[in-house]
Amino acid sequence: MNYHAQSSIEIFTTPTCPDCLALKHWLDARGLTYLERDLRDPTIAEEAKVRTGLRIAPITLIDGQIFYGPFGDQLKGIENALGLNCAN
């Protein structure tokens, strides 16, 4: 599969969130790099709220697109944003 190597992936997570762990495992398994932000830090939580309107984990930002909620609910959107559903 060809991943969009130029995609910018940023995730807002907490260490004990099962969906956060699933998201990170999925990204790691595909060799995708991402910037992880810890929502336990009040400054980061406020930044997430300002940027996305959300205070839940995980939040995934890919090239300006916002995905949130359970990892399973985010997966299709993440795959589309990264071009993983394209036949190459």
N, C-alpha and C. Protein backbone atom coordinates (compact mmCIF):
# COMPACT_ATOMS: atom_id res chain seq x y z
N MET A 1 0.84 -1.19 0.00
CA MET A 1 0.00 0.00 0.00
C MET A 1 0.87 1.24 0.00
N ASN A 2 0.42 2.24 -0.67
CA ASN A 2 1.13 3.51 -0.66
C ASN A 2 0.46 4.45 0.32
N TYR A 3 1.20 4.81 1.34
CA TYR A 3 0.69 5.76 2.33
C TYR A 3 1.07 7.16 1.90
N HIS A 4 0.29 8.10 2.29
CA HIS A 4 0.61 9.49 2.00
C HIS A 4 1.71 9.93 2.96
N ALA A 5 2.93 9.82 2.50
CA ALA A 5 4.08 10.11 3.35
C ALA A 5 4.10 11.57 3.82
N GLN A 6 3.46 12.43 3.07
CA GLN A 6 3.49 13.85 3.42
C GLN A 6 2.39 14.23 4.42
N SER A 7 1.52 13.30 4.75
CA SER A 7 0.43 13.61 5.68
C SER A 7 0.97 13.93 7.06
N SER A 8 0.38 14.93 7.67
CA SER A 8 0.72 15.31 9.03
C SER A 8 -0.32 14.70 9.96
N ILE A 9 0.14 13.84 10.88
CA ILE A 9 -0.76 13.16 11.81
C ILE A 9 -0.45 13.63 13.22
N GLU A 10 -1.47 14.13 13.88
CA GLU A 10 -1.35 14.57 15.27
C GLU A 10 -2.48 13.91 16.05
N ILE A 11 -2.14 13.33 17.20
CA ILE A 11 -3.16 12.66 17.99
C ILE A 11 -3.15 13.21 19.42
N PHE A 12 -4.33 13.41 19.95
CA PHE A 12 -4.52 13.83 21.35
C PHE A 12 -5.02 12.60 22.09
N THR A 13 -4.28 12.16 23.10
CA THR A 13 -4.57 10.90 23.78
C THR A 13 -4.42 11.02 25.29
N THR A 14 -4.80 9.95 25.96
CA THR A 14 -4.44 9.75 27.37
C THR A 14 -3.84 8.35 27.47
N PRO A 15 -2.95 8.12 28.44
CA PRO A 15 -2.22 6.85 28.48
C PRO A 15 -3.07 5.61 28.76
N THR A 16 -4.19 5.75 29.43
CA THR A 16 -4.98 4.58 29.81
C THR A 16 -6.22 4.37 28.94
N CYS A 17 -6.41 5.19 27.95
CA CYS A 17 -7.57 5.10 27.06
C CYS A 17 -7.40 3.93 26.08
N PRO A 18 -8.28 2.92 26.13
CA PRO A 18 -8.15 1.77 25.23
C PRO A 18 -8.20 2.17 23.75
N ASP A 19 -9.04 3.12 23.39
CA ASP A 19 -9.12 3.55 21.99
C ASP A 19 -7.85 4.29 21.57
N CYS A 20 -7.24 5.01 22.49
CA CYS A 20 -5.97 5.70 22.20
C CYS A 20 -4.88 4.66 21.93
N LEU A 21 -4.85 3.63 22.76
CA LEU A 21 -3.85 2.57 22.59
C LEU A 21 -4.07 1.84 21.26
N ALA A 22 -5.31 1.58 20.90
CA ALA A 22 -5.61 0.92 19.62
C ALA A 22 -5.18 1.80 18.45
N LEU A 23 -5.44 3.09 18.53
CA LEU A 23 -5.04 4.03 17.48
C LEU A 23 -3.52 4.03 17.31
N LYS A 24 -2.80 4.15 18.41
CA LYS A 24 -1.34 4.19 18.34
C LYS A 24 -0.79 2.86 17.79
N HIS A 25 -1.35 1.75 18.22
CA HIS A 25 -0.92 0.45 17.72
C HIS A 25 -1.14 0.36 16.21
N TRP A 26 -2.29 0.81 15.74
CA TRP A 26 -2.62 0.77 14.32
C TRP A 26 -1.63 1.63 13.52
N LEU A 27 -1.36 2.84 13.99
CA LEU A 27 -0.41 3.72 13.30
C LEU A 27 0.99 3.12 13.31
N ASP A 28 1.42 2.63 14.48
CA ASP A 28 2.75 2.04 14.61
C ASP A 28 2.91 0.82 13.69
N ALA A 29 1.88 -0.02 13.62
CA ALA A 29 1.94 -1.23 12.79
C ALA A 29 2.12 -0.90 11.32
N ARG A 30 1.73 0.29 10.92
CA ARG A 30 1.86 0.72 9.53
C ARG A 30 3.08 1.61 9.31
N GLY A 31 3.85 1.81 10.36
CA GLY A 31 5.05 2.63 10.25
C GLY A 31 4.78 4.10 10.04
N LEU A 32 3.59 4.54 10.45
CA LEU A 32 3.21 5.95 10.28
C LEU A 32 3.70 6.76 11.47
N THR A 33 4.30 7.88 11.19
CA THR A 33 4.77 8.74 12.26
C THR A 33 3.68 9.73 12.63
N TYR A 34 3.66 10.11 13.90
CA TYR A 34 2.64 11.02 14.40
C TYR A 34 3.18 11.78 15.60
N LEU A 35 2.57 12.91 15.84
CA LEU A 35 2.86 13.70 17.02
C LEU A 35 1.78 13.39 18.04
N GLU A 36 2.19 12.89 19.20
CA GLU A 36 1.22 12.55 20.25
C GLU A 36 1.19 13.65 21.29
N ARG A 37 -0.01 14.07 21.66
CA ARG A 37 -0.22 15.12 22.65
C ARG A 37 -1.02 14.53 23.81
N ASP A 38 -0.56 14.72 25.03
CA ASP A 38 -1.18 14.13 26.22
C ASP A 38 -2.26 15.05 26.79
N LEU A 39 -3.50 14.60 26.71
CA LEU A 39 -4.63 15.40 27.18
C LEU A 39 -4.68 15.57 28.70
N ARG A 40 -3.83 14.86 29.43
CA ARG A 40 -3.77 15.07 30.89
C ARG A 40 -3.18 16.43 31.24
N ASP A 41 -2.40 16.98 30.32
CA ASP A 41 -1.82 18.31 30.53
C ASP A 41 -2.92 19.34 30.26
N PRO A 42 -3.28 20.15 31.26
CA PRO A 42 -4.38 21.11 31.07
C PRO A 42 -4.16 22.07 29.89
N THR A 43 -2.93 22.44 29.63
CA THR A 43 -2.63 23.33 28.51
C THR A 43 -2.94 22.64 27.18
N ILE A 44 -2.56 21.38 27.07
CA ILE A 44 -2.83 20.63 25.85
C ILE A 44 -4.32 20.36 25.70
N ALA A 45 -4.98 20.04 26.81
CA ALA A 45 -6.43 19.82 26.76
C ALA A 45 -7.15 21.08 26.28
N GLU A 46 -6.72 22.24 26.75
CA GLU A 46 -7.33 23.49 26.32
C GLU A 46 -7.03 23.76 24.84
N GLU A 47 -5.81 23.46 24.41
CA GLU A 47 -5.46 23.62 23.00
C GLU A 47 -6.35 22.73 22.13
N ALA A 48 -6.55 21.48 22.55
CA ALA A 48 -7.42 20.57 21.80
C ALA A 48 -8.83 21.14 21.71
N LYS A 49 -9.32 21.68 22.81
CA LYS A 49 -10.67 22.25 22.85
C LYS A 49 -10.78 23.43 21.88
N VAL A 50 -9.77 24.29 21.89
CA VAL A 50 -9.79 25.47 21.01
C VAL A 50 -9.70 25.05 19.55
N ARG A 51 -8.82 24.10 19.25
CA ARG A 51 -8.59 23.70 17.86
C ARG A 51 -9.68 22.81 17.29
N THR A 52 -10.31 21.99 18.14
CA THR A 52 -11.25 20.99 17.62
C THR A 52 -12.66 21.10 18.18
N GLY A 53 -12.80 21.83 19.30
CA GLY A 53 -14.09 21.90 19.97
C GLY A 53 -14.36 20.67 20.83
N LEU A 54 -13.35 19.83 21.01
CA LEU A 54 -13.54 18.55 21.70
C LEU A 54 -12.67 18.45 22.96
N ARG A 55 -13.16 17.64 23.89
CA ARG A 55 -12.38 17.31 25.09
C ARG A 55 -12.47 15.81 25.36
N ILE A 56 -12.37 15.03 24.31
CA ILE A 56 -12.45 13.58 24.45
C ILE A 56 -11.18 12.96 23.87
N ALA A 57 -10.96 11.71 24.18
CA ALA A 57 -9.81 11.01 23.63
C ALA A 57 -10.29 9.72 22.97
N PRO A 58 -9.66 9.36 21.87
CA PRO A 58 -8.63 10.10 21.15
C PRO A 58 -9.22 11.07 20.13
N ILE A 59 -8.42 12.07 19.82
CA ILE A 59 -8.71 12.99 18.73
C ILE A 59 -7.57 12.84 17.73
N THR A 60 -7.90 12.66 16.47
CA THR A 60 -6.89 12.49 15.43
C THR A 60 -7.03 13.63 14.43
N LEU A 61 -5.92 14.31 14.15
CA LEU A 61 -5.90 15.36 13.13
C LEU A 61 -4.97 14.92 12.01
N ILE A 62 -5.49 14.91 10.80
CA ILE A 62 -4.68 14.56 9.63
C ILE A 62 -4.90 15.63 8.58
N ASP A 63 -3.85 16.39 8.34
CA ASP A 63 -3.91 17.44 7.31
C ASP A 63 -5.15 18.31 7.44
N GLY A 64 -5.47 18.71 8.67
CA GLY A 64 -6.60 19.61 8.92
C GLY A 64 -7.93 18.92 9.12
N GLN A 65 -8.02 17.62 8.85
CA GLN A 65 -9.25 16.87 9.09
C GLN A 65 -9.25 16.36 10.53
N ILE A 66 -10.42 16.38 11.16
CA ILE A 66 -10.54 15.97 12.56
C ILE A 66 -11.39 14.72 12.66
N PHE A 67 -10.85 13.72 13.38
CA PHE A 67 -11.56 12.48 13.65
C PHE A 67 -11.58 12.28 15.16
N TYR A 68 -12.68 11.80 15.70
CA TYR A 68 -12.78 11.62 17.15
C TYR A 68 -13.77 10.52 17.47
N GLY A 69 -13.76 10.14 18.72
CA GLY A 69 -14.63 9.06 19.17
C GLY A 69 -13.87 7.75 19.21
N PRO A 70 -14.59 6.65 19.40
CA PRO A 70 -13.92 5.35 19.46
C PRO A 70 -13.08 5.11 18.21
N PHE A 71 -11.95 4.43 18.39
CA PHE A 71 -11.04 4.18 17.28
C PHE A 71 -11.76 3.52 16.10
N GLY A 72 -12.61 2.56 16.37
CA GLY A 72 -13.34 1.89 15.29
C GLY A 72 -14.17 2.85 14.46
N ASP A 73 -14.71 3.87 15.11
CA ASP A 73 -15.50 4.88 14.40
C ASP A 73 -14.62 5.80 13.57
N GLN A 74 -13.38 5.99 13.99
CA GLN A 74 -12.45 6.88 13.28
C GLN A 74 -11.78 6.20 12.10
N LEU A 75 -11.65 4.89 12.15
CA LEU A 75 -10.78 4.16 11.24
C LEU A 75 -11.04 4.44 9.76
N LYS A 76 -12.28 4.37 9.31
CA LYS A 76 -12.58 4.58 7.89
C LYS A 76 -12.14 5.99 7.44
N GLY A 77 -12.43 7.00 8.25
CA GLY A 77 -12.03 8.36 7.92
C GLY A 77 -10.52 8.52 7.88
N ILE A 78 -9.84 7.88 8.83
CA ILE A 78 -8.37 7.94 8.86
C ILE A 78 -7.80 7.27 7.62
N GLU A 79 -8.31 6.10 7.29
CA GLU A 79 -7.83 5.41 6.08
C GLU A 79 -8.05 6.26 4.84
N ASN A 80 -9.21 6.88 4.72
CA ASN A 80 -9.49 7.73 3.57
C ASN A 80 -8.55 8.94 3.55
N ALA A 81 -8.33 9.57 4.71
CA ALA A 81 -7.47 10.75 4.78
C ALA A 81 -6.04 10.41 4.39
N LEU A 82 -5.62 9.18 4.67
CA LEU A 82 -4.26 8.75 4.36
C LEU A 82 -4.15 8.08 2.99
N GLY A 83 -5.28 7.95 2.30
CA GLY A 83 -5.28 7.35 0.97
C GLY A 83 -5.10 5.85 1.00
N LEU A 84 -5.49 5.21 2.09
CA LEU A 84 -5.29 3.77 2.23
C LEU A 84 -6.36 2.95 1.54
N ASN A 85 -7.44 3.57 1.11
CA ASN A 85 -8.50 2.84 0.42
C ASN A 85 -8.39 2.98 -1.09
N CYS A 86 -7.34 3.62 -1.53
CA CYS A 86 -7.16 3.82 -2.97
C CYS A 86 -6.48 2.59 -3.59
N ALA A 87 -6.99 2.15 -4.70
CA ALA A 87 -6.36 1.03 -5.42
C ALA A 87 -5.18 1.58 -6.19
N ASN A 88 -4.01 1.02 -5.92
CA ASN A 88 -2.79 1.46 -6.60
C ASN A 88 -2.15 0.32 -7.34
